[in-house]
C-alpha atoms as a PDB file:
ATOM      1  CA  MET A   1     112.732  68.914   9.524  1.00  0.00           C
ATOM      2  CA  LYS A   2     113.824  69.866  13.098  1.00  0.00           C
ATOM      3  CA  ILE A   3     112.071  67.605  15.835  1.00  0.00           C
ATOM      4  CA  ALA A   4     112.217  68.451  19.744  1.00  0.00           C
ATOM      5  CA  VAL A   5     111.799  65.078  21.432  1.00  0.00           C
ATOM      6  CA  PHE A   6     110.406  65.365  24.886  1.00  0.00           C
ATOM      7  CA  SER A   7     110.508  62.717  27.685  1.00  0.00           C
ATOM      8  CA  CYS A   8     113.388  61.248  26.157  1.00  0.00           C
ATOM      9  CA  LYS A   9     115.471  58.644  27.836  1.00  0.00           C
ATOM     10  CA  PRO A  10     118.592  56.759  26.752  1.00  0.00           C
ATOM     11  CA  TYR A  11     116.625  53.910  25.196  1.00  0.00           C
ATOM     12  CA  ASP A  12     114.389  56.249  23.206  1.00  0.00           C
ATOM     13  CA  LYS A  13     117.160  58.245  21.999  1.00  0.00           C
ATOM     14  CA  ARG A  14     119.133  54.930  20.600  1.00  0.00           C
ATOM     15  CA  THR A  15     116.053  53.592  18.987  1.00  0.00           C
ATOM     16  CA  LEU A  16     114.958  56.880  17.499  1.00  0.00           C
ATOM     17  CA  SER A  17     118.374  57.718  16.142  1.00  0.00           C
ATOM     18  CA  ASN A  18     118.759  54.477  14.612  1.00  0.00           C
ATOM     19  CA  HIS A  19     115.480  54.696  12.604  1.00  0.00           C
ATOM     20  CA  ALA A  20     116.107  58.392  11.777  1.00  0.00           C
ATOM     21  CA  HIS A  21     119.511  57.672  10.356  1.00  0.00           C
ATOM     22  CA  ASP A  22     119.906  58.653   6.748  1.00  0.00           C
ATOM     23  CA  THR A  23     116.649  60.663   6.787  1.00  0.00           C
ATOM     24  CA  HIS A  24     116.382  64.517   6.552  1.00  0.00           C
ATOM     25  CA  LEU A  25     115.098  64.553  10.356  1.00  0.00           C
ATOM     26  CA  THR A  26     117.190  66.317  12.732  1.00  0.00           C
ATOM     27  CA  MET A  27     116.396  65.430  16.352  1.00  0.00           C
ATOM     28  CA  THR A  28     117.052  67.118  19.492  1.00  0.00           C
ATOM     29  CA  PHE A  29     116.470  64.994  22.607  1.00  0.00           C
ATOM     30  CA  PHE A  30     115.178  66.514  25.825  1.00  0.00           C
ATOM     31  CA  GLU A  31     114.690  64.397  29.143  1.00  0.00           C
ATOM     32  CA  SER A  32     112.157  67.107  30.304  1.00  0.00           C
ATOM     33  CA  ARG A  33     108.535  66.541  29.728  1.00  0.00           C
ATOM     34  CA  LEU A  34     106.613  69.149  27.326  1.00  0.00           C
ATOM     35  CA  SER A  35     104.466  71.605  29.298  1.00  0.00           C
ATOM     36  CA  MET A  36     103.928  75.176  29.820  1.00  0.00           C
ATOM     37  CA  GLU A  37     107.124  75.227  32.123  1.00  0.00           C
ATOM     38  CA  THR A  38     109.277  73.913  29.188  1.00  0.00           C
ATOM     39  CA  ILE A  39     107.550  75.212  26.190  1.00  0.00           C
ATOM     40  CA  GLY A  40     110.548  77.763  25.436  1.00  0.00           C
ATOM     41  CA  LEU A  41     112.609  74.678  24.361  1.00  0.00           C
ATOM     42  CA  VAL A  42     110.378  74.326  21.173  1.00  0.00           C
ATOM     43  CA  GLN A  43     111.721  77.606  19.578  1.00  0.00           C
ATOM     44  CA  GLY A  44     113.210  76.864  16.156  1.00  0.00           C
ATOM     45  CA  PHE A  45     111.714  73.346  15.817  1.00  0.00           C
ATOM     46  CA  ASP A  46     108.987  72.359  13.010  1.00  0.00           C
ATOM     47  CA  ALA A  47     107.758  69.335  15.261  1.00  0.00           C
ATOM     48  CA  VAL A  48     107.653  67.900  18.630  1.00  0.00           C
ATOM     49  CA  SER A  49     107.633  64.185  19.801  1.00  0.00           C
ATOM     50  CA  CYS A  50     105.929  63.472  22.989  1.00  0.00           C
ATOM     51  CA  PHE A  51     105.252  60.665  25.286  1.00  0.00           C
ATOM     52  CA  VAL A  52     102.357  59.531  27.713  1.00  0.00           C
ATOM     53  CA  ASN A  53     102.932  61.970  30.552  1.00  0.00           C
ATOM     54  CA  ASP A  54     103.568  65.140  28.348  1.00  0.00           C
ATOM     55  CA  ASP A  55     101.073  67.898  29.229  1.00  0.00           C
ATOM     56  CA  VAL A  56     100.029  69.075  25.748  1.00  0.00           C
ATOM     57  CA  ASN A  57      96.722  71.106  26.891  1.00  0.00           C
ATOM     58  CA  ALA A  58      95.105  73.945  24.790  1.00  0.00           C
ATOM     59  CA  GLU A  59      97.384  76.462  26.082  1.00  0.00           C
ATOM     60  CA  VAL A  60     100.645  74.467  25.238  1.00  0.00           C
ATOM     61  CA  VAL A  61      99.029  73.685  21.685  1.00  0.00           C
ATOM     62  CA  ARG A  62      98.485  77.311  21.254  1.00  0.00           C
ATOM     63  CA  CYS A  63     102.094  78.208  22.082  1.00  0.00           C
ATOM     64  CA  LEU A  64     103.513  75.588  19.899  1.00  0.00           C
ATOM     65  CA  LYS A  65     101.400  77.067  16.760  1.00  0.00           C
ATOM     66  CA  LYS A  66     103.007  80.393  17.794  1.00  0.00           C
ATOM     67  CA  GLN A  67     106.571  78.918  17.704  1.00  0.00           C
ATOM     68  CA  GLY A  68     105.811  77.518  14.237  1.00  0.00           C
ATOM     69  CA  VAL A  69     105.399  73.785  15.306  1.00  0.00           C
ATOM     70  CA  GLN A  70     103.383  71.859  12.500  1.00  0.00           C
ATOM     71  CA  VAL A  71     103.448  68.523  13.927  1.00  0.00           C
ATOM     72  CA  ILE A  72     102.898  66.627  17.223  1.00  0.00           C
ATOM     73  CA  ALA A  73     104.084  63.044  16.950  1.00  0.00           C
ATOM     74  CA  LEU A  74     103.154  61.024  19.898  1.00  0.00           C
ATOM     75  CA  ARG A  75     105.307  57.987  20.708  1.00  0.00           C
ATOM     76  CA  CYS A  76     102.320  55.994  22.285  1.00  0.00           C
ATOM     77  CA  ALA A  77      99.049  54.721  21.470  1.00  0.00           C
ATOM     78  CA  GLY A  78      97.096  56.770  24.001  1.00  0.00           C
ATOM     79  CA  PHE A  79      96.339  60.458  23.401  1.00  0.00           C
ATOM     80  CA  ASN A  80      94.240  61.748  26.254  1.00  0.00           C
ATOM     81  CA  ASN A  81      97.133  64.020  27.196  1.00  0.00           C
ATOM     82  CA  VAL A  82      96.709  66.120  24.060  1.00  0.00           C
ATOM     83  CA  ASP A  83      93.864  68.586  23.395  1.00  0.00           C
ATOM     84  CA  LEU A  84      92.805  67.440  19.957  1.00  0.00           C
ATOM     85  CA  ASP A  85      90.339  70.148  19.428  1.00  0.00           C
ATOM     86  CA  ALA A  86      92.917  72.860  20.195  1.00  0.00           C
ATOM     87  CA  ALA A  87      95.403  71.111  17.782  1.00  0.00           C
ATOM     88  CA  LYS A  88      92.543  70.928  15.040  1.00  0.00           C
ATOM     89  CA  ALA A  89      91.810  74.523  15.389  1.00  0.00           C
ATOM     90  CA  GLU A  90      95.411  75.624  15.175  1.00  0.00           C
ATOM     91  CA  GLY A  91      96.050  73.261  12.241  1.00  0.00           C
ATOM     92  CA  ILE A  92      98.714  71.258  13.882  1.00  0.00           C
ATOM     93  CA  GLU A  93      98.706  67.530  12.808  1.00  0.00           C
ATOM     94  CA  VAL A  94      98.754  64.973  15.583  1.00  0.00           C
ATOM     95  CA  PHE A  95      99.979  61.409  15.036  1.00  0.00           C
ATOM     96  CA  HIS A  96     100.118  58.385  17.441  1.00  0.00           C
ATOM     97  CA  VAL A  97     101.448  54.953  17.236  1.00  0.00           C
ATOM     98  CA  PRO A  98      98.220  52.761  17.272  1.00  0.00           C
ATOM     99  CA  ASP A  99     100.048  49.360  17.070  1.00  0.00           C
ATOM    100  CA  TYR A 100     103.436  48.712  18.852  1.00  0.00           C
ATOM    101  CA  SER A 101     103.539  45.137  19.600  1.00  0.00           C
ATOM    102  CA  PRO A 102     100.291  44.820  21.691  1.00  0.00           C
ATOM    103  CA  THR A 103     101.444  41.491  22.992  1.00  0.00           C
ATOM    104  CA  SER A 104     104.152  43.331  25.206  1.00  0.00           C
ATOM    105  CA  VAL A 105     101.427  44.878  27.128  1.00  0.00           C
ATOM    106  CA  ALA A 106      99.198  41.871  27.188  1.00  0.00           C
ATOM    107  CA  GLU A 107     102.041  39.691  28.429  1.00  0.00           C
ATOM    108  CA  HIS A 108     102.885  42.074  31.036  1.00  0.00           C
ATOM    109  CA  ALA A 109      99.292  41.965  32.402  1.00  0.00           C
ATOM    110  CA  VAL A 110      99.739  38.169  32.500  1.00  0.00           C
ATOM    111  CA  ALA A 111     102.957  38.641  34.312  1.00  0.00           C
ATOM    112  CA  LEU A 112     101.289  40.571  37.004  1.00  0.00           C
ATOM    113  CA  ILE A 113      98.517  37.920  37.355  1.00  0.00           C
ATOM    114  CA  MET A 114     101.142  35.264  37.751  1.00  0.00           C
ATOM    115  CA  THR A 115     103.203  37.393  40.307  1.00  0.00           C
ATOM    116  CA  LEU A 116     100.173  38.136  42.317  1.00  0.00           C
ATOM    117  CA  ASN A 117      98.799  34.711  42.228  1.00  0.00           C
ATOM    118  CA  ARG A 118     102.038  32.511  42.751  1.00  0.00           C
ATOM    119  CA  LYS A 119     103.630  35.327  44.994  1.00  0.00           C
ATOM    120  CA  THR A 120     107.033  34.856  43.060  1.00  0.00           C
ATOM    121  CA  HIS A 121     108.000  38.444  44.299  1.00  0.00           C
ATOM    122  CA  ARG A 122     107.797  37.261  47.818  1.00  0.00           C
ATOM    123  CA  ALA A 123     109.349  33.855  47.329  1.00  0.00           C
ATOM    124  CA  TYR A 124     112.305  35.455  45.631  1.00  0.00           C
ATOM    125  CA  HIS A 125     113.190  37.568  48.642  1.00  0.00           C
ATOM    126  CA  ARG A 126     112.685  34.607  50.901  1.00  0.00           C
ATOM    127  CA  VAL A 127     115.027  32.310  48.952  1.00  0.00           C
ATOM    128  CA  LYS A 128     117.559  35.040  48.921  1.00  0.00           C
ATOM    129  CA  GLU A 129     117.456  35.282  52.678  1.00  0.00           C
ATOM    130  CA  GLY A 130     117.604  31.375  53.065  1.00  0.00           C
ATOM    131  CA  ASN A 131     113.964  31.050  53.774  1.00  0.00           C
ATOM    132  CA  PHE A 132     112.458  28.131  51.840  1.00  0.00           C
ATOM    133  CA  ALA A 133     109.114  27.923  53.878  1.00  0.00           C
ATOM    134  CA  LEU A 134     106.129  27.707  51.706  1.00  0.00           C
ATOM    135  CA  GLU A 135     103.589  29.038  54.195  1.00  0.00           C
ATOM    136  CA  GLY A 136     102.014  32.384  52.897  1.00  0.00           C
ATOM    137  CA  LEU A 137     102.746  31.437  49.253  1.00  0.00           C
ATOM    138  CA  MET A 138      99.593  29.571  48.350  1.00  0.00           C
ATOM    139  CA  GLY A 139      98.288  30.332  44.837  1.00  0.00           C
ATOM    140  CA  PHE A 140      95.438  28.759  42.759  1.00  0.00           C
ATOM    141  CA  ASN A 141      95.099  27.194  39.182  1.00  0.00           C
ATOM    142  CA  LEU A 142      94.285  29.587  36.435  1.00  0.00           C
ATOM    143  CA  GLU A 143      92.834  26.726  34.490  1.00  0.00           C
ATOM    144  CA  GLY A 144      89.080  27.025  34.855  1.00  0.00           C
ATOM    145  CA  LYS A 145      88.920  30.271  36.258  1.00  0.00           C
ATOM    146  CA  THR A 146      86.745  33.146  34.585  1.00  0.00           C
ATOM    147  CA  VAL A 147      88.719  36.252  33.568  1.00  0.00           C
ATOM    148  CA  GLY A 148      87.033  39.527  32.454  1.00  0.00           C
ATOM    149  CA  CYS A 149      88.555  41.520  29.828  1.00  0.00           C
ATOM    150  CA  ILE A 150      87.269  45.092  29.517  1.00  0.00           C
ATOM    151  CA  GLY A 151      88.213  46.322  26.113  1.00  0.00           C
ATOM    152  CA  THR A 152      89.244  44.163  23.379  1.00  0.00           C
ATOM    153  CA  GLY A 153      91.360  46.158  20.773  1.00  0.00           C
ATOM    154  CA  ARG A 154      94.674  44.875  19.872  1.00  0.00           C
ATOM    155  CA  ILE A 155      96.014  44.664  23.331  1.00  0.00           C
ATOM    156  CA  GLY A 156      92.934  43.259  25.021  1.00  0.00           C
ATOM    157  CA  ALA A 157      92.568  40.746  22.065  1.00  0.00           C
ATOM    158  CA  ALA A 158      96.001  39.602  22.622  1.00  0.00           C
ATOM    159  CA  PHE A 159      95.295  39.205  26.515  1.00  0.00           C
ATOM    160  CA  CYS A 160      92.181  37.100  25.771  1.00  0.00           C
ATOM    161  CA  ARG A 161      94.033  34.653  23.600  1.00  0.00           C
ATOM    162  CA  ILE A 162      96.811  34.319  26.159  1.00  0.00           C
ATOM    163  CA  MET A 163      94.085  33.597  28.931  1.00  0.00           C
ATOM    164  CA  LYS A 164      92.378  31.049  26.646  1.00  0.00           C
ATOM    165  CA  GLY A 165      95.653  29.286  26.346  1.00  0.00           C
ATOM    166  CA  PHE A 166      95.576  28.877  30.259  1.00  0.00           C
ATOM    167  CA  GLY A 167      92.180  27.328  29.984  1.00  0.00           C
ATOM    168  CA  CYS A 168      90.417  30.159  31.462  1.00  0.00           C
ATOM    169  CA  HIS A 169      86.774  31.086  30.523  1.00  0.00           C
ATOM    170  CA  VAL A 170      86.798  34.581  29.240  1.00  0.00           C
ATOM    171  CA  TYR A 171      84.270  37.122  29.269  1.00  0.00           C
ATOM    172  CA  CYS A 172      84.728  40.349  27.243  1.00  0.00           C
ATOM    173  CA  PHE A 173      83.139  43.892  27.258  1.00  0.00           C
ATOM    174  CA  ASP A 174      83.671  46.302  24.330  1.00  0.00           C
ATOM    175  CA  LEU A 175      81.358  48.222  22.139  1.00  0.00           C
ATOM    176  CA  HIS A 176      82.655  46.764  19.168  1.00  0.00           C
ATOM    177  CA  PRO A 177      82.907  42.843  19.562  1.00  0.00           C
ATOM    178  CA  ASP A 178      85.707  41.021  17.898  1.00  0.00           C
ATOM    179  CA  PRO A 179      84.414  38.018  15.724  1.00  0.00           C
ATOM    180  CA  ALA A 180      87.836  36.323  15.890  1.00  0.00           C
ATOM    181  CA  LEU A 181      87.594  36.267  19.777  1.00  0.00           C
ATOM    182  CA  ILE A 182      84.060  34.921  19.630  1.00  0.00           C
ATOM    183  CA  ASP A 183      85.274  32.199  17.243  1.00  0.00           C
ATOM    184  CA  LEU A 184      87.958  31.532  19.922  1.00  0.00           C
ATOM    185  CA  GLY A 185      85.250  30.873  22.445  1.00  0.00           C
ATOM    186  CA  CYS A 186      85.310  34.292  24.425  1.00  0.00           C
ATOM    187  CA  GLU A 187      81.810  35.531  25.448  1.00  0.00           C
ATOM    188  CA  TYR A 188      80.918  39.294  25.193  1.00  0.00           C
ATOM    189  CA  VAL A 189      78.562  40.127  27.987  1.00  0.00           C
ATOM    190  CA  ILE A 190      77.401  43.379  29.692  1.00  0.00           C
ATOM    191  CA  LEU A 191      79.563  44.901  32.364  1.00  0.00           C
ATOM    192  CA  ASP A 192      77.334  43.913  35.396  1.00  0.00           C
ATOM    193  CA  ASP A 193      77.774  40.251  34.323  1.00  0.00           C
ATOM    194  CA  LEU A 194      81.414  40.541  33.808  1.00  0.00           C
ATOM    195  CA  TYR A 195      81.894  42.193  37.290  1.00  0.00           C
ATOM    196  CA  GLU A 196      79.674  39.566  38.967  1.00  0.00           C
ATOM    197  CA  LYS A 197      81.249  36.487  37.292  1.00  0.00           C
ATOM    198  CA  SER A 198      84.905  37.247  36.893  1.00  0.00           C
ATOM    199  CA  ASP A 199      87.801  35.899  39.172  1.00  0.00           C
ATOM    200  CA  ILE A 200      90.168  38.338  37.442  1.00  0.00           C
ATOM    201  CA  ILE A 201      89.353  41.490  35.782  1.00  0.00           C
ATOM    202  CA  SER A 202      91.799  43.145  33.184  1.00  0.00           C
ATOM    203  CA  LEU A 203      91.536  46.528  31.993  1.00  0.00           C
ATOM    204  CA  HIS A 204      92.431  47.202  28.311  1.00  0.00           C
ATOM    205  CA  CYS A 205      90.351  50.267  27.494  1.00  0.00           C
ATOM    206  CA  PRO A 206      91.223  53.954  26.680  1.00  0.00           C
ATOM    207  CA  LEU A 207      90.805  56.707  29.204  1.00  0.00           C
ATOM    208  CA  ASN A 208      87.905  58.941  28.360  1.00  0.00           C
ATOM    209  CA  GLU A 209      84.842  60.483  30.210  1.00  0.00           C
ATOM    210  CA  PHE A 210      83.016  57.131  30.295  1.00  0.00           C
ATOM    211  CA  THR A 211      86.041  54.986  31.523  1.00  0.00           C
ATOM    212  CA  HIS A 212      87.316  57.440  34.142  1.00  0.00           C
ATOM    213  CA  HIS A 213      87.359  55.780  37.550  1.00  0.00           C
ATOM    214  CA  LEU A 214      85.771  52.760  35.972  1.00  0.00           C
ATOM    215  CA  VAL A 215      86.837  50.748  38.964  1.00  0.00           C
ATOM    216  CA  ASN A 216      85.114  52.516  41.821  1.00  0.00           C
ATOM    217  CA  LYS A 217      83.308  51.654  44.977  1.00  0.00           C
ATOM    218  CA  HIS A 218      79.964  51.360  43.092  1.00  0.00           C
ATOM    219  CA  THR A 219      81.431  48.832  40.387  1.00  0.00           C
ATOM    220  CA  LEU A 220      83.546  46.976  43.120  1.00  0.00           C
ATOM    221  CA  ASP A 221      80.417  46.165  45.038  1.00  0.00           C
ATOM    222  CA  LYS A 222      79.314  44.044  41.994  1.00  0.00           C
ATOM    223  CA  MET A 223      82.471  42.033  41.985  1.00  0.00           C
ATOM    224  CA  LYS A 224      83.233  38.795  43.710  1.00  0.00           C
ATOM    225  CA  ASP A 225      84.891  39.028  47.085  1.00  0.00           C
ATOM    226  CA  GLY A 226      88.681  38.448  46.665  1.00  0.00           C
ATOM    227  CA  VAL A 227      88.598  39.733  43.020  1.00  0.00           C
ATOM    228  CA  MET A 228      91.951  40.199  41.134  1.00  0.00           C
ATOM    229  CA  ILE A 229      92.068  43.748  39.494  1.00  0.00           C
ATOM    230  CA  ILE A 230      95.007  44.282  36.722  1.00  0.00           C
ATOM    231  CA  ASN A 231      95.308  47.626  35.103  1.00  0.00           C
ATOM    232  CA  THR A 232      98.026  48.137  32.430  1.00  0.00           C
ATOM    233  CA  SER A 233      96.175  50.771  30.443  1.00  0.00           C
ATOM    234  CA  ARG A 234      95.724  54.125  31.920  1.00  0.00           C
ATOM    235  CA  GLY A 235      95.944  55.063  35.774  1.00  0.00           C
ATOM    236  CA  ALA A 236      92.783  56.974  36.079  1.00  0.00           C
ATOM    237  CA  LEU A 237      90.687  53.967  35.194  1.00  0.00           C
ATOM    238  CA  VAL A 238      90.935  52.891  38.884  1.00  0.00           C
ATOM    239  CA  HIS A 239      89.891  55.201  41.710  1.00  0.00           C
ATOM    240  CA  ALA A 240      93.022  54.677  43.761  1.00  0.00           C
ATOM    241  CA  GLN A 241      91.508  55.532  47.255  1.00  0.00           C
ATOM    242  CA  GLU A 242      88.445  53.464  46.578  1.00  0.00           C
ATOM    243  CA  ALA A 243      90.605  50.576  45.592  1.00  0.00           C
ATOM    244  CA  ILE A 244      92.461  50.929  48.967  1.00  0.00           C
ATOM    245  CA  ASP A 245      89.162  50.621  50.890  1.00  0.00           C
ATOM    246  CA  ALA A 246      88.392  47.530  48.844  1.00  0.00           C
ATOM    247  CA  LEU A 247      91.681  46.090  49.686  1.00  0.00           C
ATOM    248  CA  TYR A 248      91.094  46.729  53.680  1.00  0.00           C
ATOM    249  CA  SER A 249      87.692  45.165  53.196  1.00  0.00           C
ATOM    250  CA  GLY A 250      88.954  42.073  51.111  1.00  0.00           C
ATOM    251  CA  LYS A 251      86.688  42.922  48.414  1.00  0.00           C
ATOM    252  CA  ILE A 252      89.949  43.263  46.073  1.00  0.00           C
ATOM    253  CA  GLY A 253      92.116  40.199  47.007  1.00  0.00           C
ATOM    254  CA  TYR A 254      94.867  41.245  44.415  1.00  0.00           C
ATOM    255  CA  LEU A 255      95.657  44.228  42.739  1.00  0.00           C
ATOM    256  CA  GLY A 256      98.362  44.583  39.862  1.00  0.00           C
ATOM    257  CA  LEU A 257      99.217  48.045  38.532  1.00  0.00           C
ATOM    258  CA  ASP A 258     101.448  49.183  35.716  1.00  0.00           C
ATOM    259  CA  VAL A 259      99.828  52.522  35.761  1.00  0.00           C
ATOM    260  CA  TYR A 260      98.793  55.161  38.387  1.00  0.00           C
ATOM    261  CA  GLU A 261      96.448  58.067  38.175  1.00  0.00           C
ATOM    262  CA  GLN A 262      99.174  60.655  39.663  1.00  0.00           C
ATOM    263  CA  GLU A 263     102.053  58.755  37.899  1.00  0.00           C
ATOM    264  CA  ASN A 264     103.322  61.793  36.066  1.00  0.00           C
ATOM    265  CA  ALA A 265     104.908  63.073  39.217  1.00  0.00           C
ATOM    266  CA  ILE A 266     107.128  59.921  39.793  1.00  0.00           C
ATOM    267  CA  PHE A 267     107.196  57.337  36.883  1.00  0.00           C
ATOM    268  CA  PHE A 268     110.053  56.900  34.540  1.00  0.00           C
ATOM    269  CA  GLU A 269     112.300  58.729  37.168  1.00  0.00           C
ATOM    270  CA  ASP A 270     114.564  57.238  39.785  1.00  0.00           C
ATOM    271  CA  MET A 271     112.937  58.258  43.011  1.00  0.00           C
ATOM    272  CA  SER A 272     115.029  56.140  45.362  1.00  0.00           C
ATOM    273  CA  SER A 273     116.594  58.894  47.062  1.00  0.00           C
ATOM    274  CA  HIS A 274     113.476  61.008  47.363  1.00  0.00           C
ATOM    275  CA  ILE A 275     110.394  61.077  49.518  1.00  0.00           C
ATOM    276  CA  ILE A 276     107.260  60.402  47.368  1.00  0.00           C
ATOM    277  CA  GLN A 277     104.898  63.044  48.052  1.00  0.00           C
ATOM    278  CA  ASP A 278     101.803  60.924  47.577  1.00  0.00           C
ATOM    279  CA  SER A 279     100.331  59.432  50.787  1.00  0.00           C
ATOM    280  CA  VAL A 280      97.773  57.349  48.622  1.00  0.00           C
ATOM    281  CA  PHE A 281     100.428  55.659  46.553  1.00  0.00           C
ATOM    282  CA  GLN A 282     102.768  55.177  49.496  1.00  0.00           C
ATOM    283  CA  LEU A 283      99.881  53.459  51.426  1.00  0.00           C
ATOM    284  CA  MET A 284      99.000  51.209  48.390  1.00  0.00           C
ATOM    285  CA  LEU A 285     102.681  49.845  48.304  1.00  0.00           C
ATOM    286  CA  THR A 286     102.324  48.551  51.944  1.00  0.00           C
ATOM    287  CA  PHE A 287      99.686  46.037  51.011  1.00  0.00           C
ATOM    288  CA  PRO A 288     101.282  42.488  50.498  1.00  0.00           C
ATOM    289  CA  ASN A 289      98.662  41.571  47.779  1.00  0.00           C
ATOM    290  CA  VAL A 290      99.533  44.709  45.748  1.00  0.00           C
ATOM    291  CA  VAL A 291     102.111  44.589  42.860  1.00  0.00           C
ATOM    292  CA  VAL A 292     103.065  48.013  41.006  1.00  0.00           C
ATOM    293  CA  THR A 293     105.358  48.351  38.129  1.00  0.00           C
ATOM    294  CA  GLY A 294     106.424  51.611  36.671  1.00  0.00           C
ATOM    295  CA  HIS A 295     104.468  51.703  33.277  1.00  0.00           C
ATOM    296  CA  GLN A 296     106.736  49.176  31.665  1.00  0.00           C
ATOM    297  CA  GLY A 297     104.254  47.101  29.874  1.00  0.00           C
ATOM    298  CA  TYR A 298     105.205  48.484  26.636  1.00  0.00           C
ATOM    299  CA  PHE A 299     108.957  47.985  27.427  1.00  0.00           C
ATOM    300  CA  THR A 300     110.308  45.473  25.077  1.00  0.00           C
ATOM    301  CA  ILE A 301     112.798  45.817  22.341  1.00  0.00           C
ATOM    302  CA  GLU A 302     110.232  44.982  19.751  1.00  0.00           C
ATOM    303  CA  ALA A 303     107.843  47.479  20.965  1.00  0.00           C
ATOM    304  CA  LEU A 304     110.465  50.341  21.039  1.00  0.00           C
ATOM    305  CA  ASN A 305     111.790  49.481  17.653  1.00  0.00           C
ATOM    306  CA  HIS A 306     108.212  49.606  16.359  1.00  0.00           C
ATOM    307  CA  ILE A 307     107.354  52.879  18.298  1.00  0.00           C
ATOM    308  CA  ALA A 308     110.603  54.529  16.734  1.00  0.00           C
ATOM    309  CA  ALA A 309     109.833  53.420  13.401  1.00  0.00           C
ATOM    310  CA  THR A 310     106.380  54.484  13.266  1.00  0.00           C
ATOM    311  CA  THR A 311     107.173  57.797  14.736  1.00  0.00           C
ATOM    312  CA  VAL A 312     109.851  58.543  12.169  1.00  0.00           C
ATOM    313  CA  ASP A 313     107.586  57.299   9.339  1.00  0.00           C
ATOM    314  CA  ASN A 314     104.818  59.804  10.716  1.00  0.00           C
ATOM    315  CA  LEU A 315     107.268  62.642  10.808  1.00  0.00           C
ATOM    316  CA  LEU A 316     108.512  62.020   7.371  1.00  0.00           C
ATOM    317  CA  HIS A 317     105.143  61.487   5.723  1.00  0.00           C
ATOM    318  CA  HIS A 318     102.845  63.632   7.874  1.00  0.00           C
ATOM    319  CA  ASP A 319     101.325  65.134   4.586  1.00  0.00           C
ATOM    320  CA  ALA A 320     100.911  61.799   2.753  1.00  0.00           C
ATOM    321  CA  GLU A 321      97.681  60.015   2.173  1.00  0.00           C
ATOM    322  CA  THR A 322      99.289  56.852   3.674  1.00  0.00           C
ATOM    323  CA  SER A 323      99.413  58.518   7.150  1.00  0.00           C
ATOM    324  CA  GLN A 324      95.646  59.096   7.293  1.00  0.00           C
ATOM    325  CA  THR A 325      94.741  56.215   9.230  1.00  0.00           C
ATOM    326  CA  ARG A 326      97.079  57.338  12.079  1.00  0.00           C
ATOM    327  CA  ARG A 327      96.159  60.956  12.003  1.00  0.00           C
ATOM    328  CA  LEU A 328      94.153  62.167  14.951  1.00  0.00           C
ATOM    329  CA  ALA A 329      93.524  65.967  14.410  1.00  0.00           C
END
């Protein structure tokens, strides 16, 4: 089987090559993202492997079918960038990686909380310059604070367990409550109660028509003044401009993002010598109480190896009954 691997960085190539060794898979690696502009690269391949910012819309899916592609193997859990209905209509199987060390993303969410709270990013630069003054670095104890977790799948559940370890009171919202979290002492509430009572709100839900711009002016008005918002899920869960308005007013006291709605134009690339053509994003970076990372929440050696192993397994067994739980279309 010949596979075209898109959005491939050196670390992807290393892990995928290691796990595909001694198999019948032949992988060709492209740093380019899959889109209509790059669809010509798939000629002669049986399958494609894509990542979070590849654009696998209906037109791309139809072109894949014409090129003879049988399988789309995503190297991520989310699949909002793939037109599943089109894939089903064309008879193309779509697989994802539903569980790739959920603790990696959960721990990164906690890292954003700790950085924003204790201002370690600012303290690091001060000390490097010989400035040991503490003024402006005041934080707060996490113990006793109320943390709201929206979405309690594998990642959200891992996040809740960590925050309970800090001694926080944890409110949860999910359409399918997790009995294990209830036994741990987490409390499932309606969204309005979570908004009203939480000091920190962390997003761990998928992006769909119901969660698009979940954090917006209307929902922010229901939250505490100075609330901390953390998003390590999908960028479009947060309405960026309305979040900026809330930063100006003080409604948002801290904002930690590992994802951004328009990230596909900038993330995963070295943009240090370019002018970023996104005034909203550039403005957001000017706030001292905002920390943005470049979609690195998943980026641990354990997660990368698991992604590679699952992707290879999906490709090897895409017709097998054992892969049915991972099949999306």
